Amino acid sequence: MHKKKLLWLAGIILIACNNSSTPGKKDSDTANITVTATMNTLTEQQKTEGWQLLFDGQSMKGWHQYGGGPAGEAWKIADGALYLDTTNKKDGKIAGGGDIVTDEEFENFHLKLEWKIAPAGNSGIMFYVNEDTSVYKRPYETGPEMQVLDNEAHPDAKIQKHRAGDLYDLISCSKETVKPAGEWNQAEIKCADGKLDFYLNGENVISTTLWDDNWTQMVAASKFKQWPGFGTFRKGKICLQDHDNTVWYRNIAVKKL
């Protein structure tokens, strides 16, 4: 074979090797497609284990506004995430917003989801919410909360027990694992026969017992003492809070224990 032809073939091989070994736009796009395709879905193993989706990535099925009726129009869906749109406000409140709750009640459960918050934003994930609005006007009057917060810019971050991942106004995280505003956090709430655990980005940040004497004393020393029903229910709905700030949720799944 002529020397020139050998050099030409060597150049082609080198280019091909460089293209295959160097991550490029095609590799990145494929990764994104994979993530999108598996978002808000369950594997066969997860289904066998008893997990169920609380958000299908396309609709508000399984959710409604606290007190009844469909979720407000400010709760929207885009890019596989459920988010609260703060574009339209009236008297400081989001038009078409409001807290949303699951149609179903849960007793012993393991909840997993992802959240991200806008800069200086605030929201929360509540559980054991009782929806008897003739007695309880707001979900926070009954449901304990995992705080969702921008720890860098929101004023609540200066208050003990009000930071991201805290059992709001009751117990501070044992360690800080939250990611900055605009980044996704993996959160878990596990309630089993009174044992409560919070996980944030893979770390167990809260572990306590519900409904015992210590729990009663904690509630009595908190802002929730004004609501006699707070933290007393052993079965209830899961709530995503409208706190007048943009917040996103996705990959919401629960397993009954």
Foldseek 3Di string as FASTA:
>chain_A
DDPVVVVVVVVVVVVVVCVVPDDDPVNVVVVVVVCLVCWQHDDPVCVVQFKDGCDNLPDNPQKAAQLDDRQFPQFDGDSSKTKGHLPDDDPLARHRHHKMWGPDKAFFKKKKWKKAFAVLGWKWKWHLFDRPCVQPVHRQLATFIQIDGQLPHHPLVVPAQRDGRGRRQQGHFPDDDDDHHPDMKMWMWGADPQWIWIDINHRTGDTDGADDPVNVVSCCPGPSVVRVNYRPGSMGIMMIGPPSGMMIMTNIMMGHD
